[in-house]
């Protein structure tokens, strides 16, 4: 499961708005990714002796996708890099 978590956390380069990828599409991708990271982290913590210490980074990702109105893909990508660095 840890390899899946690391692979998902390494997707930060994909969060760049282009003519072919709208900000709204990036928001919904980010929202699904934040949920996946949250669930994988919960599963790993439940099955490990020592829990991962990534609560602050995970909370930042959750906050980023709280509302599509103020979603910033670059900020989400930066928070994703911070999350990955703690794994």
C-alpha atoms as a PDB file:
ATOM      1  CA  UNK A   1       0.000   0.000   0.000  1.00  0.00           C
ATOM      2  CA  UNK A   2       2.880   2.340   0.697  1.00  0.00           C
ATOM      3  CA  UNK A   3       4.037   2.107  -2.925  1.00  0.00           C
ATOM      4  CA  UNK A   4       0.560   3.125  -4.094  1.00  0.00           C
ATOM      5  CA  UNK A   5       0.590   6.063  -1.696  1.00  0.00           C
ATOM      6  CA  UNK A   6       3.994   7.173  -2.974  1.00  0.00           C
ATOM      7  CA  UNK A   7       2.905   6.824  -6.608  1.00  0.00           C
ATOM      8  CA  UNK A   8      -0.203   8.921  -6.054  1.00  0.00           C
ATOM      9  CA  UNK A   9       1.769  11.527  -4.112  1.00  0.00           C
ATOM     10  CA  UNK A  10       4.164  11.837  -7.068  1.00  0.00           C
ATOM     11  CA  UNK A  11       1.460  13.156  -9.404  1.00  0.00           C
ATOM     12  CA  UNK A  12       2.063  16.825  -8.572  1.00  0.00           C
ATOM     13  CA  UNK A  13       3.361  17.651 -12.106  1.00  0.00           C
ATOM     14  CA  UNK A  14      -0.113  16.813 -13.457  1.00  0.00           C
ATOM     15  CA  UNK A  15      -1.691  19.791 -11.686  1.00  0.00           C
ATOM     16  CA  UNK A  16      -1.023  22.452 -14.278  1.00  0.00           C
ATOM     17  CA  UNK A  17      -3.919  24.176 -16.022  1.00  0.00           C
ATOM     18  CA  UNK A  18      -3.581  24.165 -19.793  1.00  0.00           C
ATOM     19  CA  UNK A  19      -5.857  24.792 -22.731  1.00  0.00           C
ATOM     20  CA  UNK A  20      -6.684  21.084 -22.772  1.00  0.00           C
ATOM     21  CA  UNK A  21      -7.170  20.695 -19.002  1.00  0.00           C
ATOM     22  CA  UNK A  22      -9.489  23.138 -17.256  1.00  0.00           C
ATOM     23  CA  UNK A  23      -9.159  24.378 -13.697  1.00  0.00           C
ATOM     24  CA  UNK A  24     -12.435  22.627 -12.887  1.00  0.00           C
ATOM     25  CA  UNK A  25     -11.082  19.297 -14.135  1.00  0.00           C
ATOM     26  CA  UNK A  26      -7.964  19.779 -12.008  1.00  0.00           C
ATOM     27  CA  UNK A  27     -10.125  20.573  -8.978  1.00  0.00           C
ATOM     28  CA  UNK A  28     -12.087  17.334  -9.284  1.00  0.00           C
ATOM     29  CA  UNK A  29      -8.891  15.329  -9.868  1.00  0.00           C
ATOM     30  CA  UNK A  30      -7.372  16.919  -6.785  1.00  0.00           C
ATOM     31  CA  UNK A  31     -10.496  16.216  -4.745  1.00  0.00           C
ATOM     32  CA  UNK A  32     -10.419  12.513  -5.690  1.00  0.00           C
ATOM     33  CA  UNK A  33      -6.681  12.345  -5.058  1.00  0.00           C
ATOM     34  CA  UNK A  34      -7.002  13.940  -1.607  1.00  0.00           C
ATOM     35  CA  UNK A  35      -9.691  11.408  -0.716  1.00  0.00           C
ATOM     36  CA  UNK A  36      -7.552   8.504  -1.973  1.00  0.00           C
ATOM     37  CA  UNK A  37      -4.533   9.714   0.008  1.00  0.00           C
ATOM     38  CA  UNK A  38      -6.698  10.117   3.098  1.00  0.00           C
ATOM     39  CA  UNK A  39      -8.115   6.573   2.861  1.00  0.00           C
ATOM     40  CA  UNK A  40      -4.748   4.967   2.058  1.00  0.00           C
ATOM     41  CA  UNK A  41      -3.133   6.820   4.947  1.00  0.00           C
ATOM     42  CA  UNK A  42      -5.898   5.680   7.309  1.00  0.00           C
ATOM     43  CA  UNK A  43      -5.467   2.066   6.159  1.00  0.00           C
ATOM     44  CA  UNK A  44      -1.698   2.197   6.568  1.00  0.00           C
ATOM     45  CA  UNK A  45      -1.971   3.773  10.018  1.00  0.00           C
ATOM     46  CA  UNK A  46      -4.423   1.093  11.110  1.00  0.00           C
ATOM     47  CA  UNK A  47      -2.049  -1.680  10.041  1.00  0.00           C
ATOM     48  CA  UNK A  48       1.330  -0.265  11.080  1.00  0.00           C
ATOM     49  CA  UNK A  49       3.071  -0.221  14.406  1.00  0.00           C
ATOM     50  CA  UNK A  50       3.962   3.456  14.082  1.00  0.00           C
ATOM     51  CA  UNK A  51       1.503   5.797  12.355  1.00  0.00           C
ATOM     52  CA  UNK A  52       2.629   8.099   9.574  1.00  0.00           C
ATOM     53  CA  UNK A  53       3.187  11.636  10.815  1.00  0.00           C
ATOM     54  CA  UNK A  54       1.573  13.462   7.919  1.00  0.00           C
ATOM     55  CA  UNK A  55      -1.559  14.947   9.475  1.00  0.00           C
ATOM     56  CA  UNK A  56      -0.602  18.571   8.766  1.00  0.00           C
ATOM     57  CA  UNK A  57       0.204  17.840   5.131  1.00  0.00           C
ATOM     58  CA  UNK A  58      -2.975  15.831   4.648  1.00  0.00           C
ATOM     59  CA  UNK A  59      -5.034  18.610   6.247  1.00  0.00           C
ATOM     60  CA  UNK A  60      -3.488  21.128   3.842  1.00  0.00           C
ATOM     61  CA  UNK A  61      -4.541  18.956   0.878  1.00  0.00           C
ATOM     62  CA  UNK A  62      -8.059  18.626   2.282  1.00  0.00           C
ATOM     63  CA  UNK A  63      -8.277  22.389   2.745  1.00  0.00           C
ATOM     64  CA  UNK A  64      -7.118  22.943  -0.838  1.00  0.00           C
ATOM     65  CA  UNK A  65     -10.082  20.979  -2.227  1.00  0.00           C
ATOM     66  CA  UNK A  66     -12.696  22.277   0.173  1.00  0.00           C
ATOM     67  CA  UNK A  67     -14.199  24.580  -2.470  1.00  0.00           C
ATOM     68  CA  UNK A  68     -13.800  24.834  -6.224  1.00  0.00           C
ATOM     69  CA  UNK A  69     -14.191  28.618  -6.027  1.00  0.00           C
ATOM     70  CA  UNK A  70     -10.808  29.163  -4.427  1.00  0.00           C
ATOM     71  CA  UNK A  71      -8.946  26.085  -5.719  1.00  0.00           C
ATOM     72  CA  UNK A  72      -5.369  26.839  -6.718  1.00  0.00           C
ATOM     73  CA  UNK A  73      -3.722  23.981  -8.624  1.00  0.00           C
ATOM     74  CA  UNK A  74      -0.184  25.269  -8.032  1.00  0.00           C
ATOM     75  CA  UNK A  75      -0.783  25.464  -4.276  1.00  0.00           C
ATOM     76  CA  UNK A  76      -2.265  21.954  -4.297  1.00  0.00           C
ATOM     77  CA  UNK A  77       0.789  20.656  -6.196  1.00  0.00           C
ATOM     78  CA  UNK A  78       3.095  22.290  -3.640  1.00  0.00           C
ATOM     79  CA  UNK A  79       1.169  20.739  -0.758  1.00  0.00           C
ATOM     80  CA  UNK A  80       1.321  17.396  -2.566  1.00  0.00           C
ATOM     81  CA  UNK A  81       5.121  17.711  -2.803  1.00  0.00           C
ATOM     82  CA  UNK A  82       5.265  18.471   0.934  1.00  0.00           C
ATOM     83  CA  UNK A  83       3.086  15.425   1.624  1.00  0.00           C
ATOM     84  CA  UNK A  84       5.363  13.231  -0.502  1.00  0.00           C
ATOM     85  CA  UNK A  85       8.489  14.505   1.269  1.00  0.00           C
ATOM     86  CA  UNK A  86       7.092  13.259   4.610  1.00  0.00           C
ATOM     87  CA  UNK A  87       6.541   9.686   3.392  1.00  0.00           C
END
